[in-house]
Amino acid sequence: MMIVDRINNNTPEVTQIANCDVVQSYIYLGAQISNNGGCIDEIKRRMAMSRSAMDKLQRIWRNRHITKATKIRLVKALIFPIFFYASETWTLRETEKKRIDALEMWCWRRMLGVTWNMFRTNESILDELRIKQRLSSAVQVRILSFFGHVSRRNDVSIERLVVQGGILYIISL
């Protein structure tokens, strides 16, 4: 059970009544939900999962018989969807965008076999691969698309009220 109450700390009363554990975060449908409402832990978790998947495909990246175009398609089909899962609900700040771009460049460099001491710029790698849209931009497009879907829902939709900051009703205890 997760309690999100920034004003009152009523954790002991709830654990006595319900006989349950109070947690700071949990995984629900593959996405990490935290009690502070932030998404930085979920972004870090998704980045780690993407890096792990990238490492598991090391034999493919080193294979000289697989073309660069095929490797790009593999990264876009196998690695980036792991990172994109539930990204529509994230709130991105500039620091998260930089982390996401760093992950993207790490993936492209790993795919090409470019080490850090080869002194290749990020722009030269993106030009070589003909990448038009950065990973952080793709996440932002997904966020805006999700916001548009929620905003077009009917007036009594709880999702719309939550996203737009409305109050449906107040329950008095």
N, C-alpha and C. Protein backbone atom coordinates (compact mmCIF):
# COMPACT_ATOMS: atom_id res chain seq x y z
N MET A 1 0.85 -1.16 0.00
CA MET A 1 0.00 0.00 0.00
C MET A 1 0.90 1.23 0.00
N MET A 2 0.53 2.22 -0.77
CA MET A 2 1.28 3.46 -0.79
C MET A 2 0.38 4.57 -0.28
N ILE A 3 0.94 5.36 0.63
CA ILE A 3 0.21 6.50 1.16
C ILE A 3 0.87 7.76 0.64
N VAL A 4 0.10 8.60 -0.01
CA VAL A 4 0.61 9.87 -0.50
C VAL A 4 -0.11 10.96 0.28
N ASP A 5 0.55 11.45 1.31
CA ASP A 5 -0.02 12.48 2.16
C ASP A 5 1.12 13.35 2.65
N ARG A 6 1.26 14.51 2.09
CA ARG A 6 2.38 15.38 2.43
C ARG A 6 2.12 16.20 3.69
N ILE A 7 0.88 16.29 4.14
CA ILE A 7 0.55 17.12 5.29
C ILE A 7 0.55 16.31 6.57
N ASN A 8 -0.21 15.23 6.59
CA ASN A 8 -0.33 14.40 7.79
C ASN A 8 0.42 13.09 7.59
N ASN A 9 1.13 12.68 8.61
CA ASN A 9 1.80 11.39 8.55
C ASN A 9 0.94 10.38 9.30
N ASN A 10 0.01 9.76 8.60
CA ASN A 10 -0.89 8.81 9.23
C ASN A 10 -0.53 7.37 8.91
N THR A 11 0.74 7.11 8.64
CA THR A 11 1.20 5.76 8.32
C THR A 11 0.95 4.77 9.45
N PRO A 12 1.27 5.08 10.71
CA PRO A 12 1.06 4.08 11.77
C PRO A 12 -0.40 3.66 11.91
N GLU A 13 -1.33 4.59 11.77
CA GLU A 13 -2.74 4.25 11.90
C GLU A 13 -3.20 3.31 10.79
N VAL A 14 -2.73 3.56 9.58
CA VAL A 14 -3.14 2.73 8.45
C VAL A 14 -2.58 1.32 8.59
N THR A 15 -1.32 1.19 9.00
CA THR A 15 -0.73 -0.14 9.13
C THR A 15 -1.40 -0.94 10.24
N GLN A 16 -1.88 -0.28 11.28
CA GLN A 16 -2.58 -0.99 12.35
C GLN A 16 -3.95 -1.46 11.87
N ILE A 17 -4.62 -0.66 11.08
CA ILE A 17 -5.96 -1.01 10.62
C ILE A 17 -5.91 -2.09 9.54
N ALA A 18 -5.06 -1.92 8.55
CA ALA A 18 -5.10 -2.78 7.37
C ALA A 18 -4.10 -3.93 7.40
N ASN A 19 -3.16 -3.95 8.34
CA ASN A 19 -2.13 -4.98 8.41
C ASN A 19 -1.41 -5.12 7.06
N CYS A 20 -0.80 -4.06 6.62
CA CYS A 20 -0.11 -4.05 5.34
C CYS A 20 1.18 -3.27 5.45
N ASP A 21 2.01 -3.38 4.44
CA ASP A 21 3.27 -2.66 4.39
C ASP A 21 3.08 -1.35 3.64
N VAL A 22 3.72 -0.32 4.13
CA VAL A 22 3.71 0.97 3.45
C VAL A 22 5.03 1.10 2.71
N VAL A 23 4.97 1.38 1.41
CA VAL A 23 6.17 1.44 0.58
C VAL A 23 6.34 2.83 -0.02
N GLN A 24 7.56 3.13 -0.44
CA GLN A 24 7.86 4.40 -1.08
C GLN A 24 7.56 4.35 -2.58
N SER A 25 7.71 3.16 -3.17
CA SER A 25 7.41 3.00 -4.59
C SER A 25 7.10 1.53 -4.87
N TYR A 26 6.43 1.29 -6.00
CA TYR A 26 6.11 -0.07 -6.41
C TYR A 26 5.97 -0.10 -7.92
N ILE A 27 6.03 -1.31 -8.46
CA ILE A 27 5.90 -1.51 -9.90
C ILE A 27 4.46 -1.91 -10.19
N TYR A 28 3.80 -1.16 -11.07
CA TYR A 28 2.43 -1.46 -11.47
C TYR A 28 2.36 -1.46 -12.99
N LEU A 29 1.97 -2.59 -13.56
CA LEU A 29 1.90 -2.76 -15.01
C LEU A 29 3.21 -2.38 -15.70
N GLY A 30 4.32 -2.71 -15.07
CA GLY A 30 5.63 -2.47 -15.66
C GLY A 30 6.20 -1.09 -15.45
N ALA A 31 5.47 -0.19 -14.82
CA ALA A 31 5.96 1.16 -14.57
C ALA A 31 6.10 1.38 -13.07
N GLN A 32 7.12 2.10 -12.69
CA GLN A 32 7.36 2.37 -11.28
C GLN A 32 6.55 3.57 -10.83
N ILE A 33 5.78 3.39 -9.77
CA ILE A 33 4.97 4.44 -9.18
C ILE A 33 5.62 4.82 -7.86
N SER A 34 5.93 6.09 -7.67
CA SER A 34 6.55 6.52 -6.42
C SER A 34 5.63 7.47 -5.68
N ASN A 35 5.82 7.55 -4.37
CA ASN A 35 4.88 8.34 -3.57
C ASN A 35 5.11 9.84 -3.69
N ASN A 36 6.23 10.26 -4.25
CA ASN A 36 6.45 11.70 -4.41
C ASN A 36 5.91 12.22 -5.74
N GLY A 37 5.39 11.34 -6.58
CA GLY A 37 4.81 11.75 -7.85
C GLY A 37 5.82 12.04 -8.93
N GLY A 38 7.10 11.88 -8.65
CA GLY A 38 8.14 12.16 -9.64
C GLY A 38 8.36 10.99 -10.57
N CYS A 39 9.08 11.25 -11.63
CA CYS A 39 9.32 10.20 -12.61
C CYS A 39 10.81 9.94 -12.82
N ILE A 40 11.68 10.59 -12.08
CA ILE A 40 13.12 10.43 -12.29
C ILE A 40 13.56 9.00 -12.01
N ASP A 41 12.98 8.36 -10.99
CA ASP A 41 13.34 6.97 -10.70
C ASP A 41 12.91 6.04 -11.83
N GLU A 42 11.75 6.30 -12.41
CA GLU A 42 11.27 5.49 -13.53
C GLU A 42 12.15 5.71 -14.76
N ILE A 43 12.58 6.94 -15.00
CA ILE A 43 13.45 7.21 -16.14
C ILE A 43 14.78 6.49 -15.96
N LYS A 44 15.36 6.56 -14.77
CA LYS A 44 16.62 5.87 -14.50
C LYS A 44 16.46 4.36 -14.65
N ARG A 45 15.35 3.84 -14.20
CA ARG A 45 15.07 2.41 -14.32
C ARG A 45 14.96 1.99 -15.78
N ARG A 46 14.26 2.77 -16.57
CA ARG A 46 14.11 2.48 -18.00
C ARG A 46 15.45 2.58 -18.73
N MET A 47 16.27 3.55 -18.33
CA MET A 47 17.59 3.69 -18.94
C MET A 47 18.45 2.46 -18.63
N ALA A 48 18.40 1.99 -17.40
CA ALA A 48 19.16 0.80 -17.02
C ALA A 48 18.68 -0.43 -17.78
N MET A 49 17.39 -0.55 -17.95
CA MET A 49 16.84 -1.68 -18.71
C MET A 49 17.29 -1.63 -20.17
N SER A 50 17.31 -0.43 -20.74
CA SER A 50 17.74 -0.27 -22.14
C SER A 50 19.22 -0.59 -22.29
N ARG A 51 20.03 -0.13 -21.34
CA ARG A 51 21.46 -0.43 -21.39
C ARG A 51 21.71 -1.93 -21.25
N SER A 52 20.95 -2.58 -20.38
CA SER A 52 21.10 -4.02 -20.21
C SER A 52 20.75 -4.76 -21.49
N ALA A 53 19.68 -4.35 -22.15
CA ALA A 53 19.29 -4.98 -23.41
C ALA A 53 20.34 -4.73 -24.48
N MET A 54 20.92 -3.55 -24.48
CA MET A 54 21.97 -3.21 -25.44
C MET A 54 23.20 -4.11 -25.22
N ASP A 55 23.55 -4.33 -23.97
CA ASP A 55 24.70 -5.19 -23.66
C ASP A 55 24.45 -6.64 -24.06
N LYS A 56 23.22 -7.10 -23.93
CA LYS A 56 22.91 -8.48 -24.28
C LYS A 56 23.01 -8.73 -25.78
N LEU A 57 22.93 -7.67 -26.57
CA LEU A 57 23.02 -7.80 -28.03
C LEU A 57 24.43 -7.48 -28.55
N GLN A 58 25.42 -7.59 -27.70
CA GLN A 58 26.79 -7.23 -28.06
C GLN A 58 27.31 -8.02 -29.27
N ARG A 59 26.93 -9.28 -29.39
CA ARG A 59 27.38 -10.09 -30.53
C ARG A 59 26.86 -9.52 -31.84
N ILE A 60 25.66 -8.97 -31.82
CA ILE A 60 25.09 -8.38 -33.04
C ILE A 60 25.84 -7.11 -33.40
N TRP A 61 26.14 -6.27 -32.43
CA TRP A 61 26.80 -4.99 -32.71
C TRP A 61 28.21 -5.22 -33.25
N ARG A 62 28.87 -6.29 -32.81
CA ARG A 62 30.24 -6.56 -33.27
C ARG A 62 30.29 -7.32 -34.59
N ASN A 63 29.18 -7.85 -35.02
CA ASN A 63 29.13 -8.64 -36.25
C ASN A 63 29.31 -7.73 -37.46
N ARG A 64 30.35 -7.98 -38.25
CA ARG A 64 30.66 -7.16 -39.42
C ARG A 64 29.77 -7.49 -40.62
N HIS A 65 29.07 -8.62 -40.57
CA HIS A 65 28.22 -9.04 -41.69
C HIS A 65 26.83 -8.40 -41.64
N ILE A 66 26.49 -7.78 -40.53
CA ILE A 66 25.20 -7.10 -40.41
C ILE A 66 25.41 -5.63 -40.78
N THR A 67 24.60 -5.13 -41.68
CA THR A 67 24.78 -3.75 -42.16
C THR A 67 24.41 -2.74 -41.08
N LYS A 68 24.92 -1.55 -41.27
CA LYS A 68 24.64 -0.46 -40.34
C LYS A 68 23.15 -0.12 -40.31
N ALA A 69 22.51 -0.16 -41.47
CA ALA A 69 21.07 0.13 -41.54
C ALA A 69 20.26 -0.89 -40.75
N THR A 70 20.65 -2.14 -40.82
CA THR A 70 19.95 -3.18 -40.05
C THR A 70 20.17 -2.98 -38.56
N LYS A 71 21.37 -2.61 -38.17
CA LYS A 71 21.65 -2.37 -36.75
C LYS A 71 20.84 -1.18 -36.23
N ILE A 72 20.70 -0.15 -37.04
CA ILE A 72 19.89 1.00 -36.64
C ILE A 72 18.44 0.56 -36.43
N ARG A 73 17.93 -0.24 -37.35
CA ARG A 73 16.56 -0.73 -37.21
C ARG A 73 16.40 -1.60 -35.97
N LEU A 74 17.42 -2.38 -35.65
CA LEU A 74 17.36 -3.21 -34.44
C LEU A 74 17.33 -2.36 -33.17
N VAL A 75 18.14 -1.31 -33.14
CA VAL A 75 18.13 -0.42 -31.97
C VAL A 75 16.76 0.23 -31.82
N LYS A 76 16.21 0.70 -32.93
CA LYS A 76 14.90 1.36 -32.88
C LYS A 76 13.77 0.39 -32.55
N ALA A 77 13.93 -0.88 -32.91
CA ALA A 77 12.86 -1.86 -32.69
C ALA A 77 13.00 -2.61 -31.37
N LEU A 78 14.22 -2.79 -30.87
CA LEU A 78 14.42 -3.61 -29.68
C LEU A 78 14.80 -2.82 -28.43
N ILE A 79 15.55 -1.75 -28.59
CA ILE A 79 16.08 -1.02 -27.42
C ILE A 79 15.19 0.15 -27.05
N PHE A 80 14.88 1.00 -28.01
CA PHE A 80 14.11 2.21 -27.69
C PHE A 80 12.70 1.93 -27.17
N PRO A 81 11.99 0.89 -27.65
CA PRO A 81 10.67 0.61 -27.05
C PRO A 81 10.74 0.26 -25.56
N ILE A 82 11.82 -0.35 -25.13
CA ILE A 82 12.00 -0.63 -23.70
C ILE A 82 12.03 0.69 -22.94
N PHE A 83 12.73 1.66 -23.49
CA PHE A 83 12.83 2.96 -22.84
C PHE A 83 11.51 3.74 -22.92
N PHE A 84 10.81 3.63 -24.04
CA PHE A 84 9.60 4.42 -24.26
C PHE A 84 8.40 3.98 -23.43
N TYR A 85 8.44 2.78 -22.86
CA TYR A 85 7.26 2.24 -22.18
C TYR A 85 6.79 3.19 -21.08
N ALA A 86 5.56 3.63 -21.15
CA ALA A 86 4.91 4.53 -20.18
C ALA A 86 5.56 5.91 -20.13
N SER A 87 6.30 6.29 -21.16
CA SER A 87 6.96 7.60 -21.17
C SER A 87 5.96 8.74 -21.38
N GLU A 88 4.75 8.43 -21.79
CA GLU A 88 3.73 9.45 -22.01
C GLU A 88 3.36 10.17 -20.73
N THR A 89 3.57 9.53 -19.60
CA THR A 89 3.16 10.11 -18.32
C THR A 89 4.30 10.82 -17.60
N TRP A 90 5.46 10.89 -18.20
CA TRP A 90 6.61 11.53 -17.54
C TRP A 90 6.50 13.05 -17.62
N THR A 91 7.12 13.71 -16.67
CA THR A 91 7.33 15.16 -16.73
C THR A 91 8.82 15.38 -16.87
N LEU A 92 9.22 15.96 -17.97
CA LEU A 92 10.64 16.11 -18.28
C LEU A 92 11.14 17.51 -17.94
N ARG A 93 12.26 17.53 -17.26
CA ARG A 93 13.00 18.78 -17.07
C ARG A 93 14.24 18.72 -17.95
N GLU A 94 14.98 19.79 -17.96
CA GLU A 94 16.17 19.85 -18.82
C GLU A 94 17.20 18.78 -18.44
N THR A 95 17.34 18.49 -17.15
CA THR A 95 18.31 17.48 -16.73
C THR A 95 17.93 16.09 -17.24
N GLU A 96 16.63 15.78 -17.22
CA GLU A 96 16.20 14.48 -17.74
C GLU A 96 16.39 14.40 -19.25
N LYS A 97 16.16 15.50 -19.95
CA LYS A 97 16.38 15.51 -21.40
C LYS A 97 17.84 15.23 -21.73
N LYS A 98 18.74 15.82 -20.96
CA LYS A 98 20.17 15.58 -21.19
C LYS A 98 20.54 14.12 -20.91
N ARG A 99 19.95 13.55 -19.86
CA ARG A 99 20.21 12.14 -19.56
C ARG A 99 19.69 11.23 -20.68
N ILE A 100 18.52 11.57 -21.20
CA ILE A 100 17.94 10.77 -22.29
C ILE A 100 18.81 10.87 -23.54
N ASP A 101 19.28 12.07 -23.85
CA ASP A 101 20.16 12.24 -25.01
C ASP A 101 21.48 11.50 -24.81
N ALA A 102 21.98 11.48 -23.57
CA ALA A 102 23.21 10.75 -23.27
C ALA A 102 23.00 9.25 -23.47
N LEU A 103 21.84 8.74 -23.07
CA LEU A 103 21.53 7.32 -23.30
C LEU A 103 21.50 7.02 -24.79
N GLU A 104 20.86 7.90 -25.55
CA GLU A 104 20.78 7.69 -26.99
C GLU A 104 22.17 7.63 -27.61
N MET A 105 23.01 8.58 -27.25
CA MET A 105 24.36 8.59 -27.81
C MET A 105 25.16 7.38 -27.37
N TRP A 106 24.96 6.94 -26.12
CA TRP A 106 25.63 5.73 -25.65
C TRP A 106 25.22 4.54 -26.51
N CYS A 107 23.93 4.43 -26.84
CA CYS A 107 23.45 3.33 -27.67
C CYS A 107 24.06 3.38 -29.07
N TRP A 108 24.06 4.57 -29.68
CA TRP A 108 24.61 4.69 -31.03
C TRP A 108 26.11 4.39 -31.03
N ARG A 109 26.84 4.90 -30.06
CA ARG A 109 28.28 4.64 -29.99
C ARG A 109 28.56 3.15 -29.77
N ARG A 110 27.78 2.52 -28.91
CA ARG A 110 27.95 1.09 -28.66
C ARG A 110 27.66 0.30 -29.92
N MET A 111 26.62 0.70 -30.65
CA MET A 111 26.26 0.01 -31.88
C MET A 111 27.37 0.12 -32.92
N LEU A 112 27.96 1.31 -33.03
CA LEU A 112 29.01 1.54 -34.03
C LEU A 112 30.38 1.03 -33.58
N GLY A 113 30.53 0.76 -32.29
CA GLY A 113 31.83 0.36 -31.77
C GLY A 113 32.77 1.53 -31.57
N VAL A 114 32.21 2.72 -31.40
CA VAL A 114 33.01 3.93 -31.20
C VAL A 114 33.29 4.08 -29.72
N THR A 115 34.56 4.10 -29.36
CA THR A 115 34.94 4.30 -27.97
C THR A 115 35.09 5.79 -27.69
N TRP A 116 35.13 6.13 -26.41
CA TRP A 116 35.20 7.54 -26.03
C TRP A 116 36.54 8.17 -26.41
N ASN A 117 37.59 7.37 -26.49
CA ASN A 117 38.90 7.95 -26.82
C ASN A 117 39.13 8.09 -28.32
N MET A 118 38.13 7.84 -29.13
CA MET A 118 38.23 8.08 -30.57
C MET A 118 37.93 9.53 -30.92
N PHE A 119 37.46 10.30 -29.96
CA PHE A 119 37.21 11.73 -30.11
C PHE A 119 36.28 12.05 -31.28
N ARG A 120 35.16 11.34 -31.35
CA ARG A 120 34.14 11.64 -32.35
C ARG A 120 33.05 12.43 -31.68
N THR A 121 32.60 13.47 -32.32
CA THR A 121 31.54 14.29 -31.74
C THR A 121 30.19 13.60 -31.91
N ASN A 122 29.26 14.00 -31.07
CA ASN A 122 27.90 13.46 -31.18
C ASN A 122 27.28 13.81 -32.52
N GLU A 123 27.54 15.02 -33.00
CA GLU A 123 26.98 15.45 -34.28
C GLU A 123 27.49 14.59 -35.43
N SER A 124 28.77 14.23 -35.39
CA SER A 124 29.31 13.40 -36.48
C SER A 124 28.68 12.01 -36.47
N ILE A 125 28.41 11.49 -35.30
CA ILE A 125 27.77 10.18 -35.22
C ILE A 125 26.33 10.26 -35.71
N LEU A 126 25.60 11.30 -35.28
CA LEU A 126 24.22 11.47 -35.73
C LEU A 126 24.15 11.70 -37.24
N ASP A 127 25.11 12.44 -37.78
CA ASP A 127 25.15 12.66 -39.23
C ASP A 127 25.44 11.36 -39.98
N GLU A 128 26.37 10.58 -39.45
CA GLU A 128 26.71 9.31 -40.09
C GLU A 128 25.51 8.37 -40.13
N LEU A 129 24.73 8.36 -39.05
CA LEU A 129 23.58 7.47 -38.96
C LEU A 129 22.31 8.08 -39.56
N ARG A 130 22.38 9.36 -39.92
CA ARG A 130 21.24 10.10 -40.48
C ARG A 130 20.04 10.09 -39.53
N ILE A 131 20.31 10.37 -38.26
CA ILE A 131 19.25 10.43 -37.24
C ILE A 131 18.64 11.81 -37.30
N LYS A 132 17.32 11.87 -37.51
CA LYS A 132 16.64 13.16 -37.64
C LYS A 132 16.04 13.63 -36.33
N GLN A 133 15.53 12.71 -35.51
CA GLN A 133 14.86 13.10 -34.28
C GLN A 133 15.57 12.46 -33.09
N ARG A 134 15.92 13.29 -32.12
CA ARG A 134 16.57 12.80 -30.91
C ARG A 134 15.57 12.05 -30.05
N LEU A 135 16.07 11.22 -29.17
CA LEU A 135 15.23 10.40 -28.30
C LEU A 135 14.41 11.26 -27.35
N SER A 136 15.01 12.32 -26.82
CA SER A 136 14.27 13.21 -25.91
C SER A 136 13.13 13.92 -26.64
N SER A 137 13.34 14.26 -27.90
CA SER A 137 12.26 14.88 -28.69
C SER A 137 11.13 13.89 -28.94
N ALA A 138 11.48 12.64 -29.17
CA ALA A 138 10.45 11.62 -29.37
C ALA A 138 9.62 11.42 -28.11
N VAL A 139 10.25 11.49 -26.94
CA VAL A 139 9.51 11.38 -25.68
C VAL A 139 8.57 12.57 -25.53
N GLN A 140 9.05 13.77 -25.87
CA GLN A 140 8.20 14.95 -25.77
C GLN A 140 7.00 14.86 -26.71
N VAL A 141 7.20 14.32 -27.90
CA VAL A 141 6.08 14.14 -28.84
C VAL A 141 5.06 13.18 -28.25
N ARG A 142 5.53 12.11 -27.63
CA ARG A 142 4.62 11.15 -27.00
C ARG A 142 3.84 11.79 -25.85
N ILE A 143 4.51 12.62 -25.06
CA ILE A 143 3.84 13.30 -23.94
C ILE A 143 2.75 14.22 -24.46
N LEU A 144 3.07 15.01 -25.48
CA LEU A 144 2.08 15.93 -26.04
C LEU A 144 0.93 15.20 -26.71
N SER A 145 1.23 14.09 -27.36
CA SER A 145 0.17 13.30 -27.99
C SER A 145 -0.78 12.74 -26.94
N PHE A 146 -0.23 12.23 -25.85
CA PHE A 146 -1.06 11.71 -24.76
C PHE A 146 -1.90 12.83 -24.14
N PHE A 147 -1.29 13.99 -23.94
CA PHE A 147 -2.02 15.13 -23.39
C PHE A 147 -3.18 15.52 -24.30
N GLY A 148 -2.96 15.48 -25.61
CA GLY A 148 -4.02 15.79 -26.56
C GLY A 148 -5.17 14.79 -26.49
N HIS A 149 -4.83 13.50 -26.36
CA HIS A 149 -5.88 12.49 -26.24
C HIS A 149 -6.71 12.70 -24.99
N VAL A 150 -6.04 12.98 -23.87
CA VAL A 150 -6.75 13.17 -22.61
C VAL A 150 -7.59 14.44 -22.66
N SER A 151 -7.06 15.49 -23.26
CA SER A 151 -7.79 16.77 -23.33
C SER A 151 -9.04 16.68 -24.18
N ARG A 152 -9.06 15.80 -25.16
CA ARG A 152 -10.22 15.67 -26.03
C ARG A 152 -11.31 14.77 -25.45
N ARG A 153 -11.07 14.18 -24.30
CA ARG A 153 -12.10 13.34 -23.67
C ARG A 153 -13.27 14.19 -23.20
N ASN A 154 -14.35 13.53 -22.81
CA ASN A 154 -15.54 14.28 -22.39
C ASN A 154 -15.30 15.03 -21.08
N ASP A 155 -16.22 15.89 -20.70
CA ASP A 155 -16.03 16.80 -19.57
C ASP A 155 -15.91 16.11 -18.22
N VAL A 156 -16.53 14.97 -18.04
CA VAL A 156 -16.54 14.32 -16.73
C VAL A 156 -15.45 13.26 -16.59
N SER A 157 -14.51 13.22 -17.50
CA SER A 157 -13.43 12.25 -17.44
C SER A 157 -12.48 12.58 -16.29
N ILE A 158 -12.21 11.60 -15.44
CA ILE A 158 -11.30 11.81 -14.31
C ILE A 158 -9.88 12.06 -14.80
N GLU A 159 -9.50 11.42 -15.92
CA GLU A 159 -8.16 11.64 -16.47
C GLU A 159 -7.98 13.09 -16.89
N ARG A 160 -9.00 13.62 -17.53
CA ARG A 160 -8.92 15.01 -17.99
C ARG A 160 -8.84 15.97 -16.80
N LEU A 161 -9.62 15.72 -15.77
CA LEU A 161 -9.58 16.57 -14.59
C LEU A 161 -8.22 16.53 -13.90
N VAL A 162 -7.62 15.35 -13.84
CA VAL A 162 -6.31 15.22 -13.20
C VAL A 162 -5.24 15.94 -14.01
N VAL A 163 -5.24 15.73 -15.32
CA VAL A 163 -4.21 16.34 -16.17
C VAL A 163 -4.34 17.86 -16.21
N GLN A 164 -5.57 18.36 -16.24
CA GLN A 164 -5.78 19.80 -16.32
C GLN A 164 -5.85 20.47 -14.95
N GLY A 165 -5.74 19.69 -13.89
CA GLY A 165 -5.72 20.27 -12.55
C GLY A 165 -7.07 20.63 -12.00
N GLY A 166 -8.13 20.05 -12.50
CA GLY A 166 -9.48 20.35 -12.01
C GLY A 166 -9.81 19.54 -10.77
N ILE A 167 -10.86 19.94 -10.08
CA ILE A 167 -11.33 19.22 -8.90
C ILE A 167 -12.75 18.75 -9.19
N LEU A 168 -12.96 17.45 -9.11
CA LEU A 168 -14.29 16.89 -9.36
C LEU A 168 -15.19 17.10 -8.16
N TYR A 169 -14.77 16.68 -7.01
CA TYR A 169 -15.51 16.88 -5.78
C TYR A 169 -14.56 16.63 -4.61
N ILE A 170 -14.94 17.06 -3.46
CA ILE A 170 -14.12 16.88 -2.27
C ILE A 170 -14.84 15.93 -1.33
N ILE A 171 -14.13 14.91 -0.90
CA ILE A 171 -14.69 13.95 0.04
C ILE A 171 -14.33 14.41 1.45
N SER A 172 -15.31 14.62 2.29
CA SER A 172 -15.02 15.02 3.67
C SER A 172 -15.03 13.79 4.57
N LEU A 173 -14.08 13.75 5.45
CA LEU A 173 -13.97 12.60 6.37
C LEU A 173 -14.52 12.94 7.72
